[in-house]
Amino acid sequence: MAFIALRRSRNTSGYYLVESYRDEVGRSRKRTLCYLGREQDGTDTLAKALAHWQRNARKIARELRTAAGPRKVMLRERKNAAAGRIAVIKVHIRRAAAAAAEQKWREQQAEAERRRRERLAEQAEHWQAIERLKRQPSAEHSQAAKRAFRFLALRLHPDQGGSHEEFIRLKDAYERAEAAWRRMAG
C-alpha cells in the first residue's frame, strides 16, 4: 500500500511516495519509492506530482536542445530521473484507480446484499401469514394470508421481476394453506 508522506529537513519540506510492507519476520516496514517534489511546488497528490514532473521534463528537454558539454550530460541525467519518476507515479495512479474501482464495486455489492436482506425480511413477514393459515386455519388468518399472497405475488411474479420458481413456490404454499382452511371450515 503506497501513500504520500511529507518529510521536513532543515531548509525544505518535500513529498515522497512511500510504500508500507511487511518484512520476512512480519514487522511493518516502509520504503521510499519516489520523490514527488517540494512542498511549495504543490505536489501533495499523485496527479499534481505527475503534472509537475511532466512540466519539468518538458523544460529540461527544451534546455537540452541548446546545452553542450557537461551541462548536456547533467540535463540528460535529470531528464532520465524525471522520466523514471513519471513512470512510477503513473503506475501508482493506475493502482489507486484500480483500488478505488474495486472499493466502489465492493460497496455496490454490499448495498445490493443489504437491499436483498431487507427484501427477504419484508417478505418473511408475509410468508409467515401464509404458514399461520396452514397451521391455525381461521377466517382472520385466511384474510391475512390472502393479503400476503397478493403482496408476494406482486414481488415474485416473473412479469414483475421475480422468477418462475419463486412464484410457483408461493402459489403452492398458498394453495396448501387454503386447502387446510377449506377442510377446517368445510
N, C-alpha and C. Protein backbone atom coordinates (compact mmCIF):
# COMPACT_ATOMS: atom_id res chain seq x y z
N MET A 1 0.85 -1.17 0.00
CA MET A 1 0.00 0.00 0.00
C MET A 1 0.89 1.23 0.00
N ALA A 2 0.70 2.09 -0.96
CA ALA A 2 1.51 3.30 -1.08
C ALA A 2 0.73 4.51 -0.58
N PHE A 3 1.46 5.46 -0.03
CA PHE A 3 0.85 6.70 0.44
C PHE A 3 1.86 7.82 0.26
N ILE A 4 1.40 9.06 0.42
CA ILE A 4 2.26 10.22 0.26
C ILE A 4 2.63 10.74 1.65
N ALA A 5 3.92 10.96 1.85
CA ALA A 5 4.41 11.45 3.14
C ALA A 5 5.13 12.77 2.93
N LEU A 6 4.93 13.69 3.86
CA LEU A 6 5.63 14.96 3.84
C LEU A 6 6.80 14.84 4.82
N ARG A 7 7.99 15.04 4.31
CA ARG A 7 9.19 14.95 5.16
C ARG A 7 9.83 16.32 5.20
N ARG A 8 10.20 16.71 6.40
CA ARG A 8 10.80 18.03 6.60
C ARG A 8 12.29 17.87 6.94
N SER A 9 13.09 18.71 6.34
CA SER A 9 14.51 18.79 6.70
C SER A 9 14.76 20.21 7.21
N ARG A 10 15.99 20.57 7.39
CA ARG A 10 16.27 21.90 7.95
C ARG A 10 15.68 23.03 7.11
N ASN A 11 15.93 22.98 5.81
CA ASN A 11 15.55 24.12 4.97
C ASN A 11 14.30 23.88 4.14
N THR A 12 14.01 22.63 3.80
CA THR A 12 12.91 22.37 2.87
C THR A 12 12.01 21.26 3.39
N SER A 13 10.86 21.19 2.76
CA SER A 13 9.92 20.10 3.00
C SER A 13 9.57 19.51 1.66
N GLY A 14 9.52 18.19 1.61
CA GLY A 14 9.23 17.54 0.34
C GLY A 14 8.27 16.38 0.51
N TYR A 15 7.53 16.10 -0.56
CA TYR A 15 6.59 14.98 -0.58
C TYR A 15 7.28 13.77 -1.21
N TYR A 16 7.02 12.63 -0.63
CA TYR A 16 7.58 11.37 -1.12
C TYR A 16 6.47 10.34 -1.22
N LEU A 17 6.60 9.47 -2.22
CA LEU A 17 5.70 8.34 -2.35
C LEU A 17 6.33 7.20 -1.56
N VAL A 18 5.62 6.74 -0.55
CA VAL A 18 6.15 5.74 0.39
C VAL A 18 5.26 4.51 0.36
N GLU A 19 5.87 3.35 0.44
CA GLU A 19 5.13 2.09 0.42
C GLU A 19 5.34 1.38 1.76
N SER A 20 4.27 0.86 2.31
CA SER A 20 4.40 0.07 3.54
C SER A 20 4.30 -1.40 3.15
N TYR A 21 5.05 -2.22 3.85
CA TYR A 21 5.08 -3.66 3.59
C TYR A 21 5.50 -4.37 4.86
N ARG A 22 5.45 -5.68 4.83
CA ARG A 22 5.91 -6.49 5.96
C ARG A 22 7.16 -7.24 5.54
N ASP A 23 8.16 -7.23 6.41
CA ASP A 23 9.39 -7.96 6.09
C ASP A 23 9.19 -9.45 6.36
N GLU A 24 10.26 -10.23 6.19
CA GLU A 24 10.15 -11.68 6.31
C GLU A 24 9.78 -12.13 7.72
N VAL A 25 10.02 -11.29 8.72
CA VAL A 25 9.66 -11.60 10.10
C VAL A 25 8.21 -11.19 10.39
N GLY A 26 7.65 -10.35 9.55
CA GLY A 26 6.28 -9.89 9.73
C GLY A 26 6.16 -8.49 10.30
N ARG A 27 7.29 -7.81 10.48
CA ARG A 27 7.26 -6.45 11.00
C ARG A 27 6.87 -5.48 9.90
N SER A 28 6.17 -4.44 10.29
CA SER A 28 5.76 -3.41 9.34
C SER A 28 6.95 -2.53 8.99
N ARG A 29 7.17 -2.34 7.71
CA ARG A 29 8.29 -1.53 7.22
C ARG A 29 7.78 -0.54 6.18
N LYS A 30 8.61 0.50 5.92
CA LYS A 30 8.28 1.48 4.90
C LYS A 30 9.50 1.70 4.02
N ARG A 31 9.23 1.88 2.72
CA ARG A 31 10.33 2.20 1.80
C ARG A 31 9.87 3.34 0.89
N THR A 32 10.81 4.23 0.61
CA THR A 32 10.52 5.36 -0.26
C THR A 32 10.61 4.90 -1.70
N LEU A 33 9.55 5.14 -2.46
CA LEU A 33 9.51 4.74 -3.86
C LEU A 33 9.97 5.87 -4.78
N CYS A 34 9.58 7.09 -4.42
CA CYS A 34 9.82 8.18 -5.36
C CYS A 34 9.72 9.53 -4.65
N TYR A 35 10.58 10.46 -5.04
CA TYR A 35 10.48 11.83 -4.58
C TYR A 35 9.45 12.53 -5.47
N LEU A 36 8.44 13.15 -4.86
CA LEU A 36 7.38 13.79 -5.65
C LEU A 36 7.64 15.27 -5.89
N GLY A 37 8.32 15.92 -4.98
CA GLY A 37 8.60 17.34 -5.17
C GLY A 37 8.54 18.10 -3.87
N ARG A 38 8.92 19.38 -3.94
CA ARG A 38 8.93 20.22 -2.75
C ARG A 38 7.51 20.60 -2.35
N GLU A 39 7.37 20.96 -1.10
CA GLU A 39 6.06 21.36 -0.59
C GLU A 39 5.55 22.59 -1.32
N GLN A 40 6.43 23.56 -1.58
CA GLN A 40 5.99 24.78 -2.26
C GLN A 40 5.64 24.54 -3.73
N ASP A 41 6.04 23.40 -4.31
CA ASP A 41 5.65 23.06 -5.69
C ASP A 41 4.22 22.53 -5.76
N GLY A 42 3.65 22.22 -4.60
CA GLY A 42 2.26 21.74 -4.57
C GLY A 42 2.10 20.34 -5.11
N THR A 43 3.01 19.46 -4.77
CA THR A 43 2.96 18.09 -5.27
C THR A 43 2.39 17.14 -4.21
N ASP A 44 1.31 17.55 -3.57
CA ASP A 44 0.75 16.77 -2.46
C ASP A 44 -0.19 15.65 -2.91
N THR A 45 -0.47 15.54 -4.19
CA THR A 45 -1.25 14.41 -4.72
C THR A 45 -0.49 13.82 -5.91
N LEU A 46 -0.84 12.60 -6.26
CA LEU A 46 -0.16 11.97 -7.40
C LEU A 46 -0.42 12.71 -8.69
N ALA A 47 -1.64 13.19 -8.89
CA ALA A 47 -1.97 13.92 -10.12
C ALA A 47 -1.16 15.22 -10.22
N LYS A 48 -1.05 15.94 -9.11
CA LYS A 48 -0.27 17.18 -9.12
C LYS A 48 1.22 16.89 -9.33
N ALA A 49 1.70 15.82 -8.70
CA ALA A 49 3.11 15.45 -8.87
C ALA A 49 3.40 15.05 -10.31
N LEU A 50 2.48 14.30 -10.93
CA LEU A 50 2.65 13.90 -12.32
C LEU A 50 2.73 15.14 -13.23
N ALA A 51 1.81 16.07 -13.03
CA ALA A 51 1.82 17.30 -13.84
C ALA A 51 3.12 18.08 -13.61
N HIS A 52 3.56 18.14 -12.37
CA HIS A 52 4.81 18.85 -12.05
C HIS A 52 5.99 18.24 -12.78
N TRP A 53 6.13 16.93 -12.72
CA TRP A 53 7.30 16.28 -13.35
C TRP A 53 7.19 16.27 -14.86
N GLN A 54 5.99 16.26 -15.41
CA GLN A 54 5.85 16.37 -16.87
C GLN A 54 6.27 17.76 -17.34
N ARG A 55 5.86 18.79 -16.58
CA ARG A 55 6.31 20.15 -16.91
C ARG A 55 7.83 20.26 -16.80
N ASN A 56 8.36 19.66 -15.76
CA ASN A 56 9.80 19.68 -15.53
C ASN A 56 10.54 18.97 -16.67
N ALA A 57 10.01 17.82 -17.12
CA ALA A 57 10.64 17.07 -18.22
C ALA A 57 10.61 17.88 -19.52
N ARG A 58 9.51 18.58 -19.79
CA ARG A 58 9.43 19.42 -20.99
C ARG A 58 10.44 20.56 -20.93
N LYS A 59 10.58 21.17 -19.75
CA LYS A 59 11.53 22.26 -19.57
C LYS A 59 12.97 21.76 -19.79
N ILE A 60 13.28 20.60 -19.24
CA ILE A 60 14.61 20.02 -19.40
C ILE A 60 14.87 19.70 -20.88
N ALA A 61 13.86 19.18 -21.57
CA ALA A 61 14.01 18.85 -23.00
C ALA A 61 14.31 20.11 -23.81
N ARG A 62 13.65 21.22 -23.47
CA ARG A 62 13.92 22.48 -24.18
C ARG A 62 15.36 22.95 -23.93
N GLU A 63 15.79 22.87 -22.67
CA GLU A 63 17.15 23.28 -22.33
C GLU A 63 18.19 22.37 -22.97
N LEU A 64 17.85 21.12 -23.10
CA LEU A 64 18.78 20.13 -23.64
C LEU A 64 19.13 20.41 -25.10
N ARG A 65 18.21 21.02 -25.82
CA ARG A 65 18.45 21.32 -27.25
C ARG A 65 19.63 22.27 -27.45
N THR A 66 19.78 23.19 -26.51
CA THR A 66 20.82 24.20 -26.67
C THR A 66 22.05 23.95 -25.80
N ALA A 67 22.00 22.97 -24.91
CA ALA A 67 23.11 22.72 -23.98
C ALA A 67 24.25 22.00 -24.68
N ALA A 68 25.44 22.15 -24.10
CA ALA A 68 26.62 21.47 -24.63
C ALA A 68 27.52 21.06 -23.47
N GLY A 69 28.36 20.08 -23.71
CA GLY A 69 29.37 19.67 -22.74
C GLY A 69 28.78 19.03 -21.49
N PRO A 70 29.39 19.36 -20.34
CA PRO A 70 28.96 18.74 -19.08
C PRO A 70 27.52 19.10 -18.71
N ARG A 71 27.07 20.27 -19.11
CA ARG A 71 25.67 20.66 -18.82
C ARG A 71 24.71 19.72 -19.54
N LYS A 72 25.04 19.32 -20.76
CA LYS A 72 24.20 18.43 -21.53
C LYS A 72 24.09 17.06 -20.83
N VAL A 73 25.21 16.58 -20.30
CA VAL A 73 25.22 15.30 -19.58
C VAL A 73 24.34 15.40 -18.33
N MET A 74 24.49 16.50 -17.60
CA MET A 74 23.70 16.70 -16.39
C MET A 74 22.21 16.79 -16.71
N LEU A 75 21.85 17.48 -17.79
CA LEU A 75 20.44 17.59 -18.18
C LEU A 75 19.87 16.24 -18.62
N ARG A 76 20.67 15.43 -19.31
CA ARG A 76 20.20 14.08 -19.68
C ARG A 76 19.90 13.25 -18.43
N GLU A 77 20.77 13.34 -17.43
CA GLU A 77 20.54 12.61 -16.19
C GLU A 77 19.27 13.09 -15.50
N ARG A 78 19.06 14.40 -15.49
CA ARG A 78 17.83 14.94 -14.91
C ARG A 78 16.60 14.48 -15.68
N LYS A 79 16.71 14.48 -17.01
CA LYS A 79 15.59 14.05 -17.84
C LYS A 79 15.27 12.58 -17.57
N ASN A 80 16.30 11.74 -17.46
CA ASN A 80 16.07 10.33 -17.16
C ASN A 80 15.46 10.14 -15.78
N ALA A 81 15.91 10.93 -14.80
CA ALA A 81 15.35 10.85 -13.45
C ALA A 81 13.88 11.26 -13.46
N ALA A 82 13.57 12.33 -14.20
CA ALA A 82 12.18 12.79 -14.29
C ALA A 82 11.31 11.73 -14.98
N ALA A 83 11.84 11.10 -16.03
CA ALA A 83 11.08 10.05 -16.73
C ALA A 83 10.82 8.87 -15.79
N GLY A 84 11.82 8.53 -14.98
CA GLY A 84 11.63 7.45 -14.01
C GLY A 84 10.56 7.78 -12.99
N ARG A 85 10.58 9.01 -12.49
CA ARG A 85 9.55 9.44 -11.52
C ARG A 85 8.17 9.42 -12.17
N ILE A 86 8.09 9.90 -13.40
CA ILE A 86 6.80 9.92 -14.11
C ILE A 86 6.26 8.50 -14.25
N ALA A 87 7.14 7.56 -14.60
CA ALA A 87 6.71 6.16 -14.75
C ALA A 87 6.20 5.59 -13.44
N VAL A 88 6.91 5.83 -12.34
CA VAL A 88 6.49 5.33 -11.03
C VAL A 88 5.15 5.95 -10.63
N ILE A 89 5.01 7.24 -10.84
CA ILE A 89 3.77 7.93 -10.47
C ILE A 89 2.60 7.39 -11.28
N LYS A 90 2.79 7.17 -12.59
CA LYS A 90 1.71 6.64 -13.44
C LYS A 90 1.28 5.26 -12.97
N VAL A 91 2.25 4.42 -12.61
CA VAL A 91 1.91 3.08 -12.11
C VAL A 91 1.04 3.18 -10.87
N HIS A 92 1.41 4.06 -9.95
CA HIS A 92 0.65 4.18 -8.71
C HIS A 92 -0.68 4.88 -8.91
N ILE A 93 -0.79 5.74 -9.89
CA ILE A 93 -2.09 6.33 -10.22
C ILE A 93 -3.02 5.23 -10.73
N ARG A 94 -2.50 4.35 -11.60
CA ARG A 94 -3.32 3.24 -12.09
C ARG A 94 -3.73 2.32 -10.95
N ARG A 95 -2.80 2.02 -10.06
CA ARG A 95 -3.12 1.17 -8.91
C ARG A 95 -4.18 1.80 -8.02
N ALA A 96 -4.05 3.10 -7.79
CA ALA A 96 -5.03 3.80 -6.96
C ALA A 96 -6.41 3.78 -7.63
N ALA A 97 -6.44 3.96 -8.94
CA ALA A 97 -7.71 3.93 -9.66
C ALA A 97 -8.33 2.54 -9.59
N ALA A 98 -7.49 1.50 -9.74
CA ALA A 98 -7.99 0.12 -9.65
C ALA A 98 -8.51 -0.17 -8.25
N ALA A 99 -7.81 0.30 -7.23
CA ALA A 99 -8.25 0.09 -5.85
C ALA A 99 -9.56 0.83 -5.59
N ALA A 100 -9.69 2.04 -6.12
CA ALA A 100 -10.93 2.80 -5.95
C ALA A 100 -12.09 2.11 -6.66
N ALA A 101 -11.83 1.58 -7.86
CA ALA A 101 -12.88 0.87 -8.59
C ALA A 101 -13.30 -0.39 -7.84
N GLU A 102 -12.32 -1.10 -7.29
CA GLU A 102 -12.64 -2.31 -6.53
C GLU A 102 -13.43 -1.96 -5.27
N GLN A 103 -13.05 -0.89 -4.60
CA GLN A 103 -13.77 -0.46 -3.40
C GLN A 103 -15.21 -0.08 -3.75
N LYS A 104 -15.38 0.62 -4.87
CA LYS A 104 -16.73 1.00 -5.31
C LYS A 104 -17.55 -0.24 -5.62
N TRP A 105 -16.93 -1.23 -6.29
CA TRP A 105 -17.62 -2.47 -6.60
C TRP A 105 -18.03 -3.18 -5.32
N ARG A 106 -17.14 -3.22 -4.33
CA ARG A 106 -17.47 -3.87 -3.05
C ARG A 106 -18.61 -3.16 -2.35
N GLU A 107 -18.59 -1.83 -2.38
CA GLU A 107 -19.68 -1.07 -1.76
C GLU A 107 -21.00 -1.34 -2.46
N GLN A 108 -20.97 -1.43 -3.80
CA GLN A 108 -22.19 -1.74 -4.54
C GLN A 108 -22.70 -3.13 -4.21
N GLN A 109 -21.77 -4.09 -4.09
CA GLN A 109 -22.17 -5.45 -3.73
C GLN A 109 -22.76 -5.50 -2.33
N ALA A 110 -22.15 -4.77 -1.40
CA ALA A 110 -22.66 -4.72 -0.03
C ALA A 110 -24.05 -4.08 0.01
N GLU A 111 -24.23 -3.02 -0.78
CA GLU A 111 -25.54 -2.36 -0.84
C GLU A 111 -26.58 -3.28 -1.44
N ALA A 112 -26.22 -4.01 -2.50
CA ALA A 112 -27.16 -4.95 -3.11
C ALA A 112 -27.53 -6.06 -2.12
N GLU A 113 -26.55 -6.53 -1.39
CA GLU A 113 -26.81 -7.57 -0.38
C GLU A 113 -27.70 -7.03 0.73
N ARG A 114 -27.47 -5.79 1.15
CA ARG A 114 -28.31 -5.19 2.18
C ARG A 114 -29.76 -5.06 1.70
N ARG A 115 -29.93 -4.60 0.45
CA ARG A 115 -31.28 -4.49 -0.11
C ARG A 115 -31.95 -5.85 -0.22
N ARG A 116 -31.18 -6.87 -0.62
CA ARG A 116 -31.73 -8.23 -0.73
C ARG A 116 -32.19 -8.73 0.63
N ARG A 117 -31.38 -8.49 1.66
CA ARG A 117 -31.76 -8.93 3.01
C ARG A 117 -33.00 -8.20 3.50
N GLU A 118 -33.08 -6.89 3.22
CA GLU A 118 -34.27 -6.14 3.60
C GLU A 118 -35.51 -6.68 2.90
N ARG A 119 -35.37 -6.97 1.61
CA ARG A 119 -36.49 -7.51 0.84
C ARG A 119 -36.92 -8.87 1.40
N LEU A 120 -35.95 -9.72 1.72
CA LEU A 120 -36.27 -11.03 2.29
C LEU A 120 -36.93 -10.90 3.65
N ALA A 121 -36.45 -9.96 4.47
CA ALA A 121 -37.04 -9.74 5.78
C ALA A 121 -38.48 -9.26 5.65
N GLU A 122 -38.71 -8.38 4.68
CA GLU A 122 -40.06 -7.87 4.44
C GLU A 122 -40.97 -9.00 3.94
N GLN A 123 -40.44 -9.85 3.08
CA GLN A 123 -41.23 -10.96 2.55
C GLN A 123 -41.48 -12.03 3.61
N ALA A 124 -40.54 -12.20 4.54
CA ALA A 124 -40.67 -13.23 5.57
C ALA A 124 -41.94 -13.03 6.38
N GLU A 125 -42.27 -11.80 6.66
CA GLU A 125 -43.49 -11.47 7.41
C GLU A 125 -44.73 -12.00 6.68
N HIS A 126 -44.74 -11.85 5.37
CA HIS A 126 -45.89 -12.28 4.57
C HIS A 126 -45.92 -13.81 4.43
N TRP A 127 -44.74 -14.41 4.30
CA TRP A 127 -44.68 -15.88 4.24
C TRP A 127 -45.21 -16.48 5.55
N GLN A 128 -44.93 -15.81 6.66
CA GLN A 128 -45.40 -16.30 7.96
C GLN A 128 -46.92 -16.27 8.04
N ALA A 129 -47.54 -15.27 7.41
CA ALA A 129 -49.01 -15.20 7.40
C ALA A 129 -49.60 -16.40 6.66
N ILE A 130 -48.96 -16.82 5.59
CA ILE A 130 -49.44 -17.99 4.84
C ILE A 130 -49.25 -19.26 5.67
N GLU A 131 -48.10 -19.39 6.32
CA GLU A 131 -47.83 -20.55 7.18
C GLU A 131 -48.79 -20.59 8.36
N ARG A 132 -49.12 -19.42 8.90
CA ARG A 132 -50.05 -19.35 10.03
C ARG A 132 -51.41 -19.89 9.64
N LEU A 133 -51.86 -19.59 8.43
CA LEU A 133 -53.15 -20.10 7.96
C LEU A 133 -53.10 -21.62 7.86
N LYS A 134 -51.98 -22.15 7.40
CA LYS A 134 -51.85 -23.60 7.25
C LYS A 134 -51.88 -24.29 8.62
N ARG A 135 -51.24 -23.68 9.61
CA ARG A 135 -51.16 -24.32 10.93
C ARG A 135 -52.38 -24.05 11.80
N GLN A 136 -52.92 -22.85 11.70
CA GLN A 136 -54.06 -22.47 12.53
C GLN A 136 -55.15 -21.86 11.63
N PRO A 137 -55.89 -22.70 10.91
CA PRO A 137 -56.90 -22.17 9.97
C PRO A 137 -57.99 -21.38 10.70
N SER A 138 -58.19 -20.14 10.26
CA SER A 138 -59.27 -19.31 10.79
C SER A 138 -59.59 -18.25 9.73
N ALA A 139 -60.77 -17.63 9.89
CA ALA A 139 -61.18 -16.60 8.92
C ALA A 139 -60.21 -15.42 8.95
N GLU A 140 -59.77 -15.05 10.13
CA GLU A 140 -58.83 -13.93 10.26
C GLU A 140 -57.50 -14.26 9.58
N HIS A 141 -56.99 -15.46 9.81
CA HIS A 141 -55.73 -15.86 9.19
C HIS A 141 -55.89 -16.02 7.67
N SER A 142 -57.09 -16.41 7.24
CA SER A 142 -57.34 -16.54 5.81
C SER A 142 -57.24 -15.19 5.11
N GLN A 143 -57.83 -14.16 5.73
CA GLN A 143 -57.76 -12.81 5.15
C GLN A 143 -56.31 -12.30 5.13
N ALA A 144 -55.58 -12.54 6.22
CA ALA A 144 -54.18 -12.11 6.29
C ALA A 144 -53.35 -12.85 5.24
N ALA A 145 -53.61 -14.14 5.05
CA ALA A 145 -52.86 -14.92 4.06
C ALA A 145 -53.17 -14.45 2.65
N LYS A 146 -54.42 -14.09 2.42
CA LYS A 146 -54.81 -13.60 1.10
C LYS A 146 -54.07 -12.28 0.78
N ARG A 147 -54.03 -11.38 1.77
CA ARG A 147 -53.29 -10.12 1.58
C ARG A 147 -51.80 -10.40 1.35
N ALA A 148 -51.26 -11.35 2.12
CA ALA A 148 -49.85 -11.70 1.99
C ALA A 148 -49.58 -12.30 0.61
N PHE A 149 -50.49 -13.14 0.12
CA PHE A 149 -50.32 -13.74 -1.20
C PHE A 149 -50.30 -12.66 -2.27
N ARG A 150 -51.20 -11.72 -2.19
CA ARG A 150 -51.25 -10.64 -3.18
C ARG A 150 -49.96 -9.81 -3.15
N PHE A 151 -49.50 -9.49 -1.95
CA PHE A 151 -48.26 -8.72 -1.81
C PHE A 151 -47.09 -9.48 -2.43
N LEU A 152 -46.94 -10.76 -2.04
CA LEU A 152 -45.83 -11.55 -2.53
C LEU A 152 -45.94 -11.83 -4.03
N ALA A 153 -47.16 -12.00 -4.53
CA ALA A 153 -47.35 -12.25 -5.96
C ALA A 153 -46.85 -11.06 -6.77
N LEU A 154 -47.10 -9.85 -6.26
CA LEU A 154 -46.62 -8.66 -6.97
C LEU A 154 -45.09 -8.59 -6.98
N ARG A 155 -44.45 -9.13 -5.96
CA ARG A 155 -43.00 -9.12 -5.88
C ARG A 155 -42.36 -10.28 -6.64
N LEU A 156 -42.98 -11.46 -6.59
CA LEU A 156 -42.33 -12.67 -7.09
C LEU A 156 -42.76 -13.09 -8.50
N HIS A 157 -43.80 -12.48 -9.03
CA HIS A 157 -44.27 -12.88 -10.36
C HIS A 157 -43.20 -12.55 -11.41
N PRO A 158 -43.00 -13.45 -12.37
CA PRO A 158 -41.97 -13.21 -13.40
C PRO A 158 -42.16 -11.90 -14.17
N ASP A 159 -43.37 -11.48 -14.36
CA ASP A 159 -43.62 -10.22 -15.06
C ASP A 159 -43.23 -9.00 -14.23
N GLN A 160 -43.06 -9.20 -12.94
CA GLN A 160 -42.71 -8.11 -12.03
C GLN A 160 -41.24 -8.16 -11.59
N GLY A 161 -40.44 -9.01 -12.23
CA GLY A 161 -39.03 -9.08 -11.89
C GLY A 161 -38.66 -10.27 -11.03
N GLY A 162 -39.63 -11.07 -10.64
CA GLY A 162 -39.35 -12.28 -9.85
C GLY A 162 -39.02 -13.44 -10.78
N SER A 163 -38.87 -14.60 -10.18
CA SER A 163 -38.58 -15.77 -11.00
C SER A 163 -39.78 -16.72 -11.02
N HIS A 164 -39.82 -17.54 -12.04
CA HIS A 164 -40.91 -18.51 -12.19
C HIS A 164 -40.95 -19.47 -11.01
N GLU A 165 -39.77 -19.95 -10.59
CA GLU A 165 -39.69 -20.92 -9.49
C GLU A 165 -40.21 -20.32 -8.18
N GLU A 166 -39.85 -19.07 -7.90
CA GLU A 166 -40.32 -18.42 -6.67
C GLU A 166 -41.84 -18.28 -6.68
N PHE A 167 -42.38 -17.91 -7.84
CA PHE A 167 -43.82 -17.71 -7.93
C PHE A 167 -44.56 -19.04 -7.77
N ILE A 168 -44.05 -20.10 -8.37
CA ILE A 168 -44.67 -21.43 -8.23
C ILE A 168 -44.62 -21.87 -6.77
N ARG A 169 -43.51 -21.63 -6.11
CA ARG A 169 -43.38 -21.98 -4.69
C ARG A 169 -44.42 -21.23 -3.85
N LEU A 170 -44.60 -19.93 -4.14
CA LEU A 170 -45.61 -19.13 -3.43
C LEU A 170 -47.00 -19.68 -3.69
N LYS A 171 -47.29 -19.93 -4.94
CA LYS A 171 -48.62 -20.41 -5.31
C LYS A 171 -48.93 -21.74 -4.62
N ASP A 172 -47.96 -22.68 -4.61
CA ASP A 172 -48.16 -23.97 -3.96
C ASP A 172 -48.38 -23.80 -2.46
N ALA A 173 -47.61 -22.97 -1.82
CA ALA A 173 -47.74 -22.75 -0.38
C ALA A 173 -49.10 -22.16 -0.05
N TYR A 174 -49.55 -21.20 -0.86
CA TYR A 174 -50.85 -20.58 -0.60
C TYR A 174 -51.98 -21.57 -0.84
N GLU A 175 -51.89 -22.37 -1.90
CA GLU A 175 -52.94 -23.36 -2.17
C GLU A 175 -53.03 -24.41 -1.07
N ARG A 176 -51.88 -24.84 -0.53
CA ARG A 176 -51.90 -25.80 0.58
C ARG A 176 -52.53 -25.19 1.83
N ALA A 177 -52.22 -23.92 2.10
CA ALA A 177 -52.80 -23.24 3.26
C ALA A 177 -54.30 -23.05 3.08
N GLU A 178 -54.72 -22.67 1.88
CA GLU A 178 -56.16 -22.51 1.60
C GLU A 178 -56.89 -23.85 1.71
N ALA A 179 -56.25 -24.93 1.27
CA ALA A 179 -56.86 -26.26 1.38
C ALA A 179 -57.05 -26.63 2.84
N ALA A 180 -56.07 -26.31 3.68
CA ALA A 180 -56.21 -26.57 5.12
C ALA A 180 -57.37 -25.77 5.71
N TRP A 181 -57.53 -24.53 5.27
CA TRP A 181 -58.63 -23.67 5.75
C TRP A 181 -59.98 -24.24 5.27
N ARG A 182 -60.06 -24.67 4.01
CA ARG A 182 -61.31 -25.23 3.48
C ARG A 182 -61.70 -26.50 4.23
N ARG A 183 -60.72 -27.36 4.53
CA ARG A 183 -61.01 -28.59 5.29
C ARG A 183 -61.55 -28.25 6.67
N MET A 184 -60.96 -27.24 7.30
CA MET A 184 -61.39 -26.84 8.65
C MET A 184 -62.77 -26.20 8.61
N ALA A 185 -63.01 -25.33 7.62
CA ALA A 185 -64.28 -24.62 7.52
C ALA A 185 -65.40 -25.49 6.96
N GLY A 186 -65.01 -26.49 6.17
CA GLY A 186 -65.99 -27.30 5.45
C GLY A 186 -66.67 -28.29 6.27
